[in-house]
Amino acid sequence: MLRVFLSGPPQADGAEKWVRYTTDGRLIARGQDTAVQWPDDAETEVVLAANQVRLIALALPPMPRDRLHAAARYALEDQLATTADESSIAVANARNGNVLVAVTSGALVHAIATHGRRVHGLLTESALAPPDNGWTWCASDAVDGV
């Protein structure tokens, strides 16, 4: 599997950091190249830099998974600095009574989806931190992300 780190929209001439993993999760290669030079793996995941994503823990009542996205968007409507069409949200499963919502630019998600390389997954950089009941601080590769 190929995992590419993006701190903004993919650029045709921009060299992006990438890593390759085996199916059992062992790191086998890493590099920094333009998209046409990335290894040609069957699956490609994109990791969005921390400075591109806002994470929000929402207290929502229990509901079917298929209703969570609409409920989260409704709950955040007056908190987003953009219109609903300009933002893209992803909702994680409820944990400890809260639903974790990631908010990013809809234009950024569209740029990644139409870049030319088929993307099988889009992750937030914070999703790579090990899950724990306490805090985990991680430094971002993005210029102004921590």
Protein backbone atom coordinates (compact mmCIF):
# COMPACT_ATOMS: atom_id res chain seq x y z
CA MET A 1 0.00 0.00 0.00
CA LEU A 2 1.19 3.51 -0.82
CA ARG A 3 0.48 6.35 1.62
CA VAL A 4 1.04 9.95 0.43
CA PHE A 5 1.24 12.97 2.74
CA LEU A 6 -0.40 16.16 1.41
CA SER A 7 -0.29 19.57 3.04
CA GLY A 8 -2.44 21.09 0.29
CA PRO A 9 -3.94 20.27 -3.11
CA PRO A 10 -1.79 17.90 -5.17
CA GLN A 11 0.44 19.72 -7.66
CA ALA A 12 1.63 18.17 -10.92
CA ASP A 13 5.19 19.38 -10.30
CA GLY A 14 5.16 19.21 -6.49
CA ALA A 15 7.22 16.53 -4.76
CA GLU A 16 5.12 14.90 -2.03
CA LYS A 17 6.34 12.60 0.73
CA TRP A 18 5.21 8.97 0.47
CA VAL A 19 5.73 5.65 2.22
CA ARG A 20 5.02 2.07 1.11
CA TYR A 21 3.80 -0.67 3.41
CA THR A 22 3.37 -4.41 3.01
CA THR A 23 -0.08 -5.91 3.58
CA ASP A 24 0.93 -6.73 7.17
CA GLY A 25 1.93 -3.10 7.85
CA ARG A 26 5.73 -3.26 7.56
CA LEU A 27 7.43 -0.20 6.07
CA ILE A 28 9.33 -1.17 2.90
CA ALA A 29 10.17 2.14 1.20
CA ARG A 30 9.85 5.90 1.51
CA GLY A 31 10.53 8.83 -0.75
CA GLN A 32 9.52 12.25 -1.98
CA ASP A 33 8.52 12.52 -5.63
CA THR A 34 6.03 14.05 -8.02
CA ALA A 35 2.82 12.06 -8.50
CA VAL A 36 3.95 10.50 -11.78
CA GLN A 37 7.02 9.08 -10.00
CA TRP A 38 5.14 7.56 -7.04
CA PRO A 39 5.31 3.77 -6.84
CA ASP A 40 2.42 2.12 -8.65
CA ASP A 41 0.71 0.29 -5.77
CA ALA A 42 -2.72 -1.32 -5.96
CA GLU A 43 -3.96 0.90 -3.12
CA THR A 44 -3.13 4.54 -2.46
CA GLU A 45 -4.12 6.42 0.68
CA VAL A 46 -3.77 10.16 1.13
CA VAL A 47 -3.02 11.66 4.54
CA LEU A 48 -4.16 15.26 4.96
CA ALA A 49 -1.83 17.44 7.05
CA ALA A 50 -3.10 18.55 10.44
CA ASN A 51 -3.29 22.17 9.29
CA GLN A 52 -5.83 21.21 6.62
CA VAL A 53 -8.34 19.55 8.94
CA ARG A 54 -10.46 20.72 11.85
CA LEU A 55 -11.49 17.97 14.29
CA ILE A 56 -14.65 18.37 16.35
CA ALA A 57 -16.11 16.04 19.00
CA LEU A 58 -19.90 16.27 18.88
CA ALA A 59 -22.30 14.95 21.47
CA LEU A 60 -25.09 13.46 19.37
CA PRO A 61 -27.83 11.11 20.52
CA PRO A 62 -27.52 7.46 19.50
CA MET A 63 -28.69 6.97 15.91
CA PRO A 64 -28.18 4.64 12.96
CA ARG A 65 -24.80 5.04 11.22
CA ASP A 66 -26.46 6.11 7.96
CA ARG A 67 -27.92 9.21 9.68
CA LEU A 68 -24.72 10.38 11.43
CA HIS A 69 -23.31 12.38 8.50
CA ALA A 70 -26.48 14.48 8.04
CA ALA A 71 -26.87 14.97 11.80
CA ALA A 72 -23.24 16.09 12.18
CA ARG A 73 -23.52 18.51 9.26
CA TYR A 74 -26.72 19.97 10.76
CA ALA A 75 -25.11 20.30 14.23
CA LEU A 76 -22.09 22.10 12.75
CA GLU A 77 -23.95 24.32 10.31
CA ASP A 78 -23.59 27.50 12.39
CA GLN A 79 -19.99 26.69 13.42
CA LEU A 80 -18.45 26.29 9.97
CA ALA A 81 -16.73 29.32 8.48
CA THR A 82 -17.92 28.28 5.02
CA THR A 83 -21.16 27.19 3.44
CA ALA A 84 -22.07 23.52 3.59
CA ASP A 85 -21.17 23.15 -0.09
CA GLU A 86 -17.66 24.56 0.46
CA SER A 87 -16.74 22.14 3.24
CA SER A 88 -16.35 18.40 3.31
CA ILE A 89 -16.95 16.40 6.47
CA ALA A 90 -16.19 12.85 7.53
CA VAL A 91 -17.74 11.22 10.58
CA ALA A 92 -16.08 8.52 12.68
CA ASN A 93 -17.95 5.99 14.78
CA ALA A 94 -19.18 7.20 18.16
CA ARG A 95 -16.68 6.77 21.00
CA ASN A 96 -17.08 7.74 24.65
CA GLY A 97 -20.45 9.34 23.88
CA ASN A 98 -19.04 11.63 21.17
CA VAL A 99 -18.89 11.48 17.40
CA LEU A 100 -15.58 12.67 15.95
CA VAL A 101 -16.05 14.86 12.86
CA ALA A 102 -13.25 15.94 10.51
CA VAL A 103 -13.91 19.09 8.46
CA THR A 104 -11.80 20.19 5.50
CA SER A 105 -12.16 22.13 2.28
CA GLY A 106 -14.50 20.61 -0.27
CA ALA A 107 -12.22 21.99 -3.01
CA LEU A 108 -9.26 20.13 -1.48
CA VAL A 109 -11.15 16.82 -1.41
CA HIS A 110 -12.28 17.39 -5.01
CA ALA A 111 -8.69 18.17 -6.12
CA ILE A 112 -7.46 14.93 -4.55
CA ALA A 113 -10.31 12.88 -6.05
CA THR A 114 -9.71 14.22 -9.56
CA HIS A 115 -5.89 14.29 -9.45
CA GLY A 116 -5.45 11.29 -11.71
CA ARG A 117 -4.30 8.66 -9.22
CA ARG A 118 -7.14 6.56 -7.82
CA VAL A 119 -7.28 7.18 -4.06
CA HIS A 120 -8.65 4.35 -1.94
CA GLY A 121 -8.68 6.24 1.34
CA LEU A 122 -8.36 9.74 2.72
CA LEU A 123 -7.11 10.06 6.31
CA THR A 124 -6.46 12.92 8.65
CA GLU A 125 -2.91 13.10 9.95
CA SER A 126 -4.25 12.77 13.49
CA ALA A 127 -5.76 9.38 12.59
CA LEU A 128 -2.21 7.99 12.41
CA ALA A 129 -1.63 8.65 16.12
CA PRO A 130 -2.09 5.57 18.29
CA PRO A 131 -5.48 5.48 20.02
CA ASP A 132 -5.25 6.06 23.74
CA ASN A 133 -7.33 7.42 26.59
CA GLY A 134 -4.80 10.23 27.14
CA TRP A 135 -3.34 12.87 24.88
CA THR A 136 -0.84 12.07 22.15
CA TRP A 137 1.12 15.00 20.71
CA CYS A 138 2.57 14.55 17.24
CA ALA A 139 4.62 16.96 15.13
CA SER A 140 3.33 17.48 11.59
CA ASP A 141 5.45 17.58 8.45
CA ALA A 142 3.31 20.51 7.30
CA VAL A 143 4.96 23.91 7.59
CA ASP A 144 2.51 25.34 10.13
CA GLY A 145 0.84 22.18 11.40
CA VAL A 146 1.43 20.60 14.78
